[in-house]
Amino acid sequence: MNAQIYLYQQYKRSITDLFKDMLKIVEDMKNDHTYHYDKLYENIPAEYHPVIKTADHFTAEKSAWIRKKILDMGNESLRDFSSEMENVSVSFIFKQ
């Protein structure tokens, strides 16, 4: 087994899991925002609906931007680690 490849694969899996979890958190935040926003919108007089619409900051565009930033950070982390791995030699010492 190539220790360097193994280490990179483990790191990649961990970072990928991390940014998938971050995306789930953003999705949960978006759902929570939508729930409370809709509740407010439905219970406020119609004359204030335009004002409420301007306060909706968690738009599809904003969600896409946040998603892109998370994915970019995760991918950058993977690239940085891969680059660093080129500068080291890794081997395993198996425990008896």
PDB file of N, CA and C in Angstrom:
ATOM      1  N   MET A   1       0.838  -1.175   0.000  1.00  0.00           N
ATOM      2  CA  MET A   1       0.000   0.000   0.000  1.00  0.00           C
ATOM      3  C   MET A   1       0.889   1.247   0.000  1.00  0.00           C
ATOM      4  N   ASN A   2       0.598   2.170  -0.868  1.00  0.00           N
ATOM      5  CA  ASN A   2       1.335   3.421  -0.944  1.00  0.00           C
ATOM      6  C   ASN A   2       0.824   4.362   0.151  1.00  0.00           C
ATOM      7  N   ALA A   3       1.677   4.646   1.119  1.00  0.00           N
ATOM      8  CA  ALA A   3       1.283   5.448   2.279  1.00  0.00           C
ATOM      9  C   ALA A   3       0.862   6.863   1.887  1.00  0.00           C
ATOM     10  N   GLN A   4       1.550   7.446   0.937  1.00  0.00           N
ATOM     11  CA  GLN A   4       1.250   8.813   0.527  1.00  0.00           C
ATOM     12  C   GLN A   4      -0.141   8.892  -0.118  1.00  0.00           C
ATOM     13  N   ILE A   5      -0.451   7.933  -0.963  1.00  0.00           N
ATOM     14  CA  ILE A   5      -1.764   7.903  -1.603  1.00  0.00           C
ATOM     15  C   ILE A   5      -2.845   7.655  -0.557  1.00  0.00           C
ATOM     16  N   TYR A   6      -2.591   6.735   0.348  1.00  0.00           N
ATOM     17  CA  TYR A   6      -3.547   6.444   1.404  1.00  0.00           C
ATOM     18  C   TYR A   6      -3.832   7.686   2.235  1.00  0.00           C
ATOM     19  N   LEU A   7      -2.777   8.392   2.644  1.00  0.00           N
ATOM     20  CA  LEU A   7      -2.946   9.592   3.461  1.00  0.00           C
ATOM     21  C   LEU A   7      -3.752  10.642   2.707  1.00  0.00           C
ATOM     22  N   TYR A   8      -3.443  10.843   1.437  1.00  0.00           N
ATOM     23  CA  TYR A   8      -4.187  11.822   0.644  1.00  0.00           C
ATOM     24  C   TYR A   8      -5.653  11.417   0.520  1.00  0.00           C
ATOM     25  N   GLN A   9      -5.926  10.144   0.286  1.00  0.00           N
ATOM     26  CA  GLN A   9      -7.313   9.692   0.157  1.00  0.00           C
ATOM     27  C   GLN A   9      -8.093   9.904   1.446  1.00  0.00           C
ATOM     28  N   GLN A  10      -7.459   9.662   2.578  1.00  0.00           N
ATOM     29  CA  GLN A  10      -8.117   9.877   3.869  1.00  0.00           C
ATOM     30  C   GLN A  10      -8.395  11.360   4.099  1.00  0.00           C
ATOM     31  N   TYR A  11      -7.421  12.189   3.755  1.00  0.00           N
ATOM     32  CA  TYR A  11      -7.608  13.631   3.889  1.00  0.00           C
ATOM     33  C   TYR A  11      -8.727  14.112   2.963  1.00  0.00           C
ATOM     34  N   LYS A  12      -8.713  13.646   1.732  1.00  0.00           N
ATOM     35  CA  LYS A  12      -9.731  14.042   0.756  1.00  0.00           C
ATOM     36  C   LYS A  12     -11.122  13.650   1.239  1.00  0.00           C
ATOM     37  N   ARG A  13     -11.254  12.447   1.773  1.00  0.00           N
ATOM     38  CA  ARG A  13     -12.548  11.988   2.284  1.00  0.00           C
ATOM     39  C   ARG A  13     -13.014  12.864   3.436  1.00  0.00           C
ATOM     40  N   SER A  14     -12.090  13.204   4.336  1.00  0.00           N
ATOM     41  CA  SER A  14     -12.456  14.039   5.489  1.00  0.00           C
ATOM     42  C   SER A  14     -12.866  15.441   5.064  1.00  0.00           C
ATOM     43  N   ILE A  15     -12.115  16.041   4.163  1.00  0.00           N
ATOM     44  CA  ILE A  15     -12.448  17.395   3.700  1.00  0.00           C
ATOM     45  C   ILE A  15     -13.762  17.376   2.930  1.00  0.00           C
ATOM     46  N   THR A  16     -13.961  16.368   2.097  1.00  0.00           N
ATOM     47  CA  THR A  16     -15.208  16.251   1.336  1.00  0.00           C
ATOM     48  C   THR A  16     -16.392  16.111   2.286  1.00  0.00           C
ATOM     49  N   ASP A  17     -16.261  15.290   3.299  1.00  0.00           N
ATOM     50  CA  ASP A  17     -17.325  15.149   4.297  1.00  0.00           C
ATOM     51  C   ASP A  17     -17.582  16.474   5.006  1.00  0.00           C
ATOM     52  N   LEU A  18     -16.517  17.201   5.301  1.00  0.00           N
ATOM     53  CA  LEU A  18     -16.660  18.490   5.977  1.00  0.00           C
ATOM     54  C   LEU A  18     -17.452  19.468   5.120  1.00  0.00           C
ATOM     55  N   PHE A  19     -17.093  19.625   3.848  1.00  0.00           N
ATOM     56  CA  PHE A  19     -17.848  20.610   3.099  1.00  0.00           C
ATOM     57  C   PHE A  19     -19.224  20.135   2.699  1.00  0.00           C
ATOM     58  N   LYS A  20     -19.475  18.829   2.653  1.00  0.00           N
ATOM     59  CA  LYS A  20     -20.850  18.335   2.474  1.00  0.00           C
ATOM     60  C   LYS A  20     -21.687  18.686   3.703  1.00  0.00           C
ATOM     61  N   ASP A  21     -21.101  18.531   4.886  1.00  0.00           N
ATOM     62  CA  ASP A  21     -21.813  18.892   6.112  1.00  0.00           C
ATOM     63  C   ASP A  21     -22.084  20.393   6.165  1.00  0.00           C
ATOM     64  N   MET A  22     -21.131  21.186   5.709  1.00  0.00           N
ATOM     65  CA  MET A  22     -21.339  22.633   5.676  1.00  0.00           C
ATOM     66  C   MET A  22     -22.483  22.981   4.718  1.00  0.00           C
ATOM     67  N   LEU A  23     -22.563  22.300   3.597  1.00  0.00           N
ATOM     68  CA  LEU A  23     -23.650  22.541   2.646  1.00  0.00           C
ATOM     69  C   LEU A  23     -24.998  22.156   3.251  1.00  0.00           C
ATOM     70  N   LYS A  24     -25.021  21.086   4.033  1.00  0.00           N
ATOM     71  CA  LYS A  24     -26.260  20.689   4.703  1.00  0.00           C
ATOM     72  C   LYS A  24     -26.690  21.751   5.717  1.00  0.00           C
ATOM     73  N   ILE A  25     -25.734  22.318   6.419  1.00  0.00           N
ATOM     74  CA  ILE A  25     -26.050  23.371   7.390  1.00  0.00           C
ATOM     75  C   ILE A  25     -26.622  24.590   6.682  1.00  0.00           C
ATOM     76  N   VAL A  26     -26.037  24.974   5.569  1.00  0.00           N
ATOM     77  CA  VAL A  26     -26.553  26.113   4.803  1.00  0.00           C
ATOM     78  C   VAL A  26     -27.973  25.816   4.322  1.00  0.00           C
ATOM     79  N   GLU A  27     -28.207  24.585   3.867  1.00  0.00           N
ATOM     80  CA  GLU A  27     -29.552  24.206   3.424  1.00  0.00           C
ATOM     81  C   GLU A  27     -30.545  24.282   4.583  1.00  0.00           C
ATOM     82  N   ASP A  28     -30.129  23.820   5.761  1.00  0.00           N
ATOM     83  CA  ASP A  28     -30.988  23.917   6.944  1.00  0.00           C
ATOM     84  C   ASP A  28     -31.282  25.381   7.290  1.00  0.00           C
ATOM     85  N   MET A  29     -30.265  26.226   7.190  1.00  0.00           N
ATOM     86  CA  MET A  29     -30.464  27.645   7.464  1.00  0.00           C
ATOM     87  C   MET A  29     -31.428  28.262   6.452  1.00  0.00           C
ATOM     88  N   LYS A  30     -31.292  27.890   5.196  1.00  0.00           N
ATOM     89  CA  LYS A  30     -32.181  28.404   4.148  1.00  0.00           C
ATOM     90  C   LYS A  30     -33.618  27.968   4.419  1.00  0.00           C
ATOM     91  N   ASN A  31     -33.801  26.697   4.773  1.00  0.00           N
ATOM     92  CA  ASN A  31     -35.144  26.195   5.068  1.00  0.00           C
ATOM     93  C   ASN A  31     -35.748  26.906   6.276  1.00  0.00           C
ATOM     94  N   ASP A  32     -34.947  27.134   7.301  1.00  0.00           N
ATOM     95  CA  ASP A  32     -35.417  27.835   8.487  1.00  0.00           C
ATOM     96  C   ASP A  32     -35.786  29.274   8.137  1.00  0.00           C
ATOM     97  N   HIS A  33     -34.939  29.924   7.363  1.00  0.00           N
ATOM     98  CA  HIS A  33     -35.228  31.286   6.922  1.00  0.00           C
ATOM     99  C   HIS A  33     -36.538  31.333   6.137  1.00  0.00           C
ATOM    100  N   THR A  34     -36.698  30.418   5.194  1.00  0.00           N
ATOM    101  CA  THR A  34     -37.901  30.392   4.359  1.00  0.00           C
ATOM    102  C   THR A  34     -39.146  30.177   5.200  1.00  0.00           C
ATOM    103  N   TYR A  35     -39.079  29.271   6.159  1.00  0.00           N
ATOM    104  CA  TYR A  35     -40.214  28.998   7.031  1.00  0.00           C
ATOM    105  C   TYR A  35     -40.638  30.272   7.769  1.00  0.00           C
ATOM    106  N   HIS A  36     -39.685  30.935   8.412  1.00  0.00           N
ATOM    107  CA  HIS A  36     -40.014  32.126   9.207  1.00  0.00           C
ATOM    108  C   HIS A  36     -40.367  33.313   8.318  1.00  0.00           C
ATOM    109  N   TYR A  37     -39.702  33.417   7.198  1.00  0.00           N
ATOM    110  CA  TYR A  37     -40.013  34.492   6.250  1.00  0.00           C
ATOM    111  C   TYR A  37     -41.444  34.348   5.735  1.00  0.00           C
ATOM    112  N   ASP A  38     -41.807  33.131   5.324  1.00  0.00           N
ATOM    113  CA  ASP A  38     -43.170  32.892   4.822  1.00  0.00           C
ATOM    114  C   ASP A  38     -44.220  33.159   5.896  1.00  0.00           C
ATOM    115  N   LYS A  39     -43.923  32.757   7.114  1.00  0.00           N
ATOM    116  CA  LYS A  39     -44.847  32.994   8.225  1.00  0.00           C
ATOM    117  C   LYS A  39     -45.050  34.492   8.433  1.00  0.00           C
ATOM    118  N   LEU A  40     -43.981  35.251   8.412  1.00  0.00           N
ATOM    119  CA  LEU A  40     -44.081  36.702   8.548  1.00  0.00           C
ATOM    120  C   LEU A  40     -44.858  37.298   7.379  1.00  0.00           C
ATOM    121  N   TYR A  41     -44.525  36.874   6.171  1.00  0.00           N
ATOM    122  CA  TYR A  41     -45.169  37.401   4.963  1.00  0.00           C
ATOM    123  C   TYR A  41     -46.681  37.172   4.992  1.00  0.00           C
ATOM    124  N   GLU A  42     -47.082  35.980   5.421  1.00  0.00           N
ATOM    125  CA  GLU A  42     -48.510  35.638   5.459  1.00  0.00           C
ATOM    126  C   GLU A  42     -49.269  36.398   6.548  1.00  0.00           C
ATOM    127  N   ASN A  43     -48.579  36.807   7.590  1.00  0.00           N
ATOM    128  CA  ASN A  43     -49.258  37.435   8.727  1.00  0.00           C
ATOM    129  C   ASN A  43     -49.121  38.947   8.788  1.00  0.00           C
ATOM    130  N   ILE A  44     -48.528  39.514   7.800  1.00  0.00           N
ATOM    131  CA  ILE A  44     -48.389  40.974   7.777  1.00  0.00           C
ATOM    132  C   ILE A  44     -49.352  41.528   6.729  1.00  0.00           C
ATOM    133  N   PRO A  45     -49.880  42.710   6.927  1.00  0.00           N
ATOM    134  CA  PRO A  45     -50.802  43.276   5.927  1.00  0.00           C
ATOM    135  C   PRO A  45     -50.152  43.344   4.540  1.00  0.00           C
ATOM    136  N   ALA A  46     -50.964  43.095   3.525  1.00  0.00           N
ATOM    137  CA  ALA A  46     -50.476  43.031   2.146  1.00  0.00           C
ATOM    138  C   ALA A  46     -49.754  44.303   1.717  1.00  0.00           C
ATOM    139  N   GLU A  47     -50.124  45.417   2.284  1.00  0.00           N
ATOM    140  CA  GLU A  47     -49.475  46.673   1.905  1.00  0.00           C
ATOM    141  C   GLU A  47     -47.984  46.687   2.252  1.00  0.00           C
ATOM    142  N   TYR A  48     -47.557  45.807   3.186  1.00  0.00           N
ATOM    143  CA  TYR A  48     -46.149  45.731   3.586  1.00  0.00           C
ATOM    144  C   TYR A  48     -45.378  44.633   2.856  1.00  0.00           C
ATOM    145  N   HIS A  49     -46.039  43.883   2.008  1.00  0.00           N
ATOM    146  CA  HIS A  49     -45.370  42.796   1.294  1.00  0.00           C
ATOM    147  C   HIS A  49     -44.160  43.264   0.481  1.00  0.00           C
ATOM    148  N   PRO A  50     -44.240  44.396  -0.224  1.00  0.00           N
ATOM    149  CA  PRO A  50     -43.039  44.849  -0.949  1.00  0.00           C
ATOM    150  C   PRO A  50     -41.840  45.102  -0.033  1.00  0.00           C
ATOM    151  N   VAL A  51     -42.111  45.635   1.158  1.00  0.00           N
ATOM    152  CA  VAL A  51     -41.023  45.890   2.106  1.00  0.00           C
ATOM    153  C   VAL A  51     -40.430  44.569   2.575  1.00  0.00           C
ATOM    154  N   ILE A  52     -41.291  43.617   2.891  1.00  0.00           N
ATOM    155  CA  ILE A  52     -40.830  42.312   3.348  1.00  0.00           C
ATOM    156  C   ILE A  52     -40.025  41.612   2.249  1.00  0.00           C
ATOM    157  N   LYS A  53     -40.468  41.738   1.002  1.00  0.00           N
ATOM    158  CA  LYS A  53     -39.738  41.102  -0.108  1.00  0.00           C
ATOM    159  C   LYS A  53     -38.321  41.645  -0.222  1.00  0.00           C
ATOM    160  N   THR A  54     -38.134  42.921   0.063  1.00  0.00           N
ATOM    161  CA  THR A  54     -36.783  43.485  -0.020  1.00  0.00           C
ATOM    162  C   THR A  54     -35.875  42.963   1.081  1.00  0.00           C
ATOM    163  N   ALA A  55     -36.466  42.454   2.153  1.00  0.00           N
ATOM    164  CA  ALA A  55     -35.680  41.945   3.281  1.00  0.00           C
ATOM    165  C   ALA A  55     -35.317  40.471   3.131  1.00  0.00           C
ATOM    166  N   ASP A  56     -35.770  39.845   2.065  1.00  0.00           N
ATOM    167  CA  ASP A  56     -35.475  38.422   1.860  1.00  0.00           C
ATOM    168  C   ASP A  56     -34.048  38.275   1.343  1.00  0.00           C
ATOM    169  N   HIS A  57     -33.109  38.146   2.270  1.00  0.00           N
ATOM    170  CA  HIS A  57     -31.693  38.093   1.897  1.00  0.00           C
ATOM    171  C   HIS A  57     -31.218  36.711   1.467  1.00  0.00           C
ATOM    172  N   PHE A  58     -31.966  35.680   1.807  1.00  0.00           N
ATOM    173  CA  PHE A  58     -31.529  34.307   1.518  1.00  0.00           C
ATOM    174  C   PHE A  58     -32.162  33.839   0.211  1.00  0.00           C
ATOM    175  N   THR A  59     -31.833  34.509  -0.842  1.00  0.00           N
ATOM    176  CA  THR A  59     -32.386  34.206  -2.164  1.00  0.00           C
ATOM    177  C   THR A  59     -31.692  32.987  -2.765  1.00  0.00           C
ATOM    178  N   ALA A  60     -32.221  32.513  -3.874  1.00  0.00           N
ATOM    179  CA  ALA A  60     -31.586  31.399  -4.590  1.00  0.00           C
ATOM    180  C   ALA A  60     -30.180  31.794  -5.030  1.00  0.00           C
ATOM    181  N   GLU A  61     -30.023  33.035  -5.454  1.00  0.00           N
ATOM    182  CA  GLU A  61     -28.699  33.512  -5.882  1.00  0.00           C
ATOM    183  C   GLU A  61     -27.710  33.522  -4.719  1.00  0.00           C
ATOM    184  N   LYS A  62     -28.182  33.981  -3.553  1.00  0.00           N
ATOM    185  CA  LYS A  62     -27.321  34.017  -2.370  1.00  0.00           C
ATOM    186  C   LYS A  62     -26.950  32.596  -1.941  1.00  0.00           C
ATOM    187  N   SER A  63     -27.901  31.689  -1.982  1.00  0.00           N
ATOM    188  CA  SER A  63     -27.632  30.292  -1.639  1.00  0.00           C
ATOM    189  C   SER A  63     -26.607  29.691  -2.596  1.00  0.00           C
ATOM    190  N   ALA A  64     -26.743  29.986  -3.877  1.00  0.00           N
ATOM    191  CA  ALA A  64     -25.791  29.479  -4.875  1.00  0.00           C
ATOM    192  C   ALA A  64     -24.401  30.058  -4.636  1.00  0.00           C
ATOM    193  N   TRP A  65     -24.338  31.333  -4.258  1.00  0.00           N
ATOM    194  CA  TRP A  65     -23.057  31.971  -3.976  1.00  0.00           C
ATOM    195  C   TRP A  65     -22.379  31.323  -2.763  1.00  0.00           C
ATOM    196  N   ILE A  66     -23.157  31.088  -1.704  1.00  0.00           N
ATOM    197  CA  ILE A  66     -22.610  30.445  -0.498  1.00  0.00           C
ATOM    198  C   ILE A  66     -22.129  29.032  -0.831  1.00  0.00           C
ATOM    199  N   ARG A  67     -22.931  28.301  -1.581  1.00  0.00           N
ATOM    200  CA  ARG A  67     -22.560  26.938  -1.989  1.00  0.00           C
ATOM    201  C   ARG A  67     -21.246  26.955  -2.765  1.00  0.00           C
ATOM    202  N   LYS A  68     -21.135  27.878  -3.701  1.00  0.00           N
ATOM    203  CA  LYS A  68     -19.916  27.977  -4.511  1.00  0.00           C
ATOM    204  C   LYS A  68     -18.712  28.284  -3.634  1.00  0.00           C
ATOM    205  N   LYS A  69     -18.873  29.201  -2.676  1.00  0.00           N
ATOM    206  CA  LYS A  69     -17.764  29.552  -1.787  1.00  0.00           C
ATOM    207  C   LYS A  69     -17.315  28.347  -0.960  1.00  0.00           C
ATOM    208  N   ILE A  70     -18.259  27.574  -0.455  1.00  0.00           N
ATOM    209  CA  ILE A  70     -17.915  26.386   0.338  1.00  0.00           C
ATOM    210  C   ILE A  70     -17.167  25.381  -0.523  1.00  0.00           C
ATOM    211  N   LEU A  71     -17.682  25.115  -1.709  1.00  0.00           N
ATOM    212  CA  LEU A  71     -17.026  24.164  -2.604  1.00  0.00           C
ATOM    213  C   LEU A  71     -15.644  24.661  -3.029  1.00  0.00           C
ATOM    214  N   ASP A  72     -15.530  25.950  -3.304  1.00  0.00           N
ATOM    215  CA  ASP A  72     -14.229  26.516  -3.673  1.00  0.00           C
ATOM    216  C   ASP A  72     -13.216  26.352  -2.548  1.00  0.00           C
ATOM    217  N   MET A  73     -13.647  26.615  -1.306  1.00  0.00           N
ATOM    218  CA  MET A  73     -12.734  26.474  -0.168  1.00  0.00           C
ATOM    219  C   MET A  73     -12.307  25.022   0.026  1.00  0.00           C
ATOM    220  N   GLY A  74     -13.256  24.103  -0.101  1.00  0.00           N
ATOM    221  CA  GLY A  74     -12.918  22.687   0.045  1.00  0.00           C
ATOM    222  C   GLY A  74     -11.967  22.231  -1.041  1.00  0.00           C
ATOM    223  N   ASN A  75     -12.235  22.618  -2.270  1.00  0.00           N
ATOM    224  CA  ASN A  75     -11.365  22.225  -3.382  1.00  0.00           C
ATOM    225  C   ASN A  75      -9.984  22.864  -3.269  1.00  0.00           C
ATOM    226  N   GLU A  76      -9.940  24.098  -2.815  1.00  0.00           N
ATOM    227  CA  GLU A  76      -8.643  24.769  -2.605  1.00  0.00           C
ATOM    228  C   GLU A  76      -7.838  24.046  -1.528  1.00  0.00           C
ATOM    229  N   SER A  77      -8.511  23.627  -0.470  1.00  0.00           N
ATOM    230  CA  SER A  77      -7.846  22.874   0.585  1.00  0.00           C
ATOM    231  C   SER A  77      -7.271  21.565   0.049  1.00  0.00           C
ATOM    232  N   LEU A  78      -8.039  20.883  -0.785  1.00  0.00           N
ATOM    233  CA  LEU A  78      -7.557  19.638  -1.386  1.00  0.00           C
ATOM    234  C   LEU A  78      -6.354  19.886  -2.293  1.00  0.00           C
ATOM    235  N   ARG A  79      -6.411  20.944  -3.086  1.00  0.00           N
ATOM    236  CA  ARG A  79      -5.281  21.264  -3.964  1.00  0.00           C
ATOM    237  C   ARG A  79      -4.034  21.621  -3.150  1.00  0.00           C
ATOM    238  N   ASP A  80      -4.214  22.407  -2.094  1.00  0.00           N
ATOM    239  CA  ASP A  80      -3.076  22.789  -1.256  1.00  0.00           C
ATOM    240  C   ASP A  80      -2.432  21.570  -0.611  1.00  0.00           C
ATOM    241  N   PHE A  81      -3.263  20.681  -0.096  1.00  0.00           N
ATOM    242  CA  PHE A  81      -2.725  19.483   0.555  1.00  0.00           C
ATOM    243  C   PHE A  81      -2.011  18.603  -0.456  1.00  0.00           C
ATOM    244  N   SER A  82      -2.606  18.452  -1.629  1.00  0.00           N
ATOM    245  CA  SER A  82      -1.988  17.647  -2.683  1.00  0.00           C
ATOM    246  C   SER A  82      -0.630  18.227  -3.060  1.00  0.00           C
ATOM    247  N   SER A  83      -0.561  19.533  -3.157  1.00  0.00           N
ATOM    248  CA  SER A  83       0.699  20.202  -3.485  1.00  0.00           C
ATOM    249  C   SER A  83       1.736  19.963  -2.387  1.00  0.00           C
ATOM    250  N   GLU A  84       1.317  20.052  -1.134  1.00  0.00           N
ATOM    251  CA  GLU A  84       2.229  19.815  -0.015  1.00  0.00           C
ATOM    252  C   GLU A  84       2.716  18.368   0.019  1.00  0.00           C
ATOM    253  N   MET A  85       1.849  17.453  -0.375  1.00  0.00           N
ATOM    254  CA  MET A  85       2.218  16.031  -0.357  1.00  0.00           C
ATOM    255  C   MET A  85       3.356  15.735  -1.339  1.00  0.00           C
ATOM    256  N   GLU A  86       3.521  16.583  -2.344  1.00  0.00           N
ATOM    257  CA  GLU A  86       4.621  16.395  -3.293  1.00  0.00           C
ATOM    258  C   GLU A  86       5.975  16.677  -2.653  1.00  0.00           C
ATOM    259  N   ASN A  87       5.982  17.375  -1.518  1.00  0.00           N
ATOM    260  CA  ASN A  87       7.222  17.757  -0.847  1.00  0.00           C
ATOM    261  C   ASN A  87       7.627  16.818   0.283  1.00  0.00           C
ATOM    262  N   VAL A  88       6.841  15.780   0.512  1.00  0.00           N
ATOM    263  CA  VAL A  88       7.144  14.880   1.620  1.00  0.00           C
ATOM    264  C   VAL A  88       7.129  13.436   1.145  1.00  0.00           C
ATOM    265  N   SER A  89       7.774  12.630   1.929  1.00  0.00           N
ATOM    266  CA  SER A  89       7.751  11.186   1.704  1.00  0.00           C
ATOM    267  C   SER A  89       7.068  10.563   2.913  1.00  0.00           C
ATOM    268  N   VAL A  90       6.101   9.711   2.659  1.00  0.00           N
ATOM    269  CA  VAL A  90       5.332   9.123   3.741  1.00  0.00           C
ATOM    270  C   VAL A  90       5.509   7.611   3.714  1.00  0.00           C
ATOM    271  N   SER A  91       5.694   7.032   4.901  1.00  0.00           N
ATOM    272  CA  SER A  91       5.741   5.568   4.986  1.00  0.00           C
ATOM    273  C   SER A  91       5.057   5.165   6.286  1.00  0.00           C
ATOM    274  N   PHE A  92       4.634   3.916   6.309  1.00  0.00           N
ATOM    275  CA  PHE A  92       3.976   3.378   7.498  1.00  0.00           C
ATOM    276  C   PHE A  92       4.912   2.480   8.262  1.00  0.00           C
ATOM    277  N   ILE A  93       4.784   2.538   9.558  1.00  0.00           N
ATOM    278  CA  ILE A  93       5.441   1.569  10.427  1.00  0.00           C
ATOM    279  C   ILE A  93       4.303   0.830  11.104  1.00  0.00           C
ATOM    280  N   PHE A  94       4.178  -0.443  10.820  1.00  0.00           N
ATOM    281  CA  PHE A  94       3.077  -1.220  11.347  1.00  0.00           C
ATOM    282  C   PHE A  94       3.352  -1.657  12.764  1.00  0.00           C
ATOM    283  N   LYS A  95       2.351  -1.527  13.619  1.00  0.00           N
ATOM    284  CA  LYS A  95       2.472  -1.938  15.009  1.00  0.00           C
ATOM    285  C   LYS A  95       2.423  -3.447  15.085  1.00  0.00           C
ATOM    286  N   GLN A  96       3.178  -3.972  15.996  1.00  0.00           N
ATOM    287  CA  GLN A  96       3.210  -5.416  16.211  1.00  0.00           C
ATOM    288  C   GLN A  96       2.190  -5.826  17.224  1.00  0.00           C
TER     289      GLN A  96
END
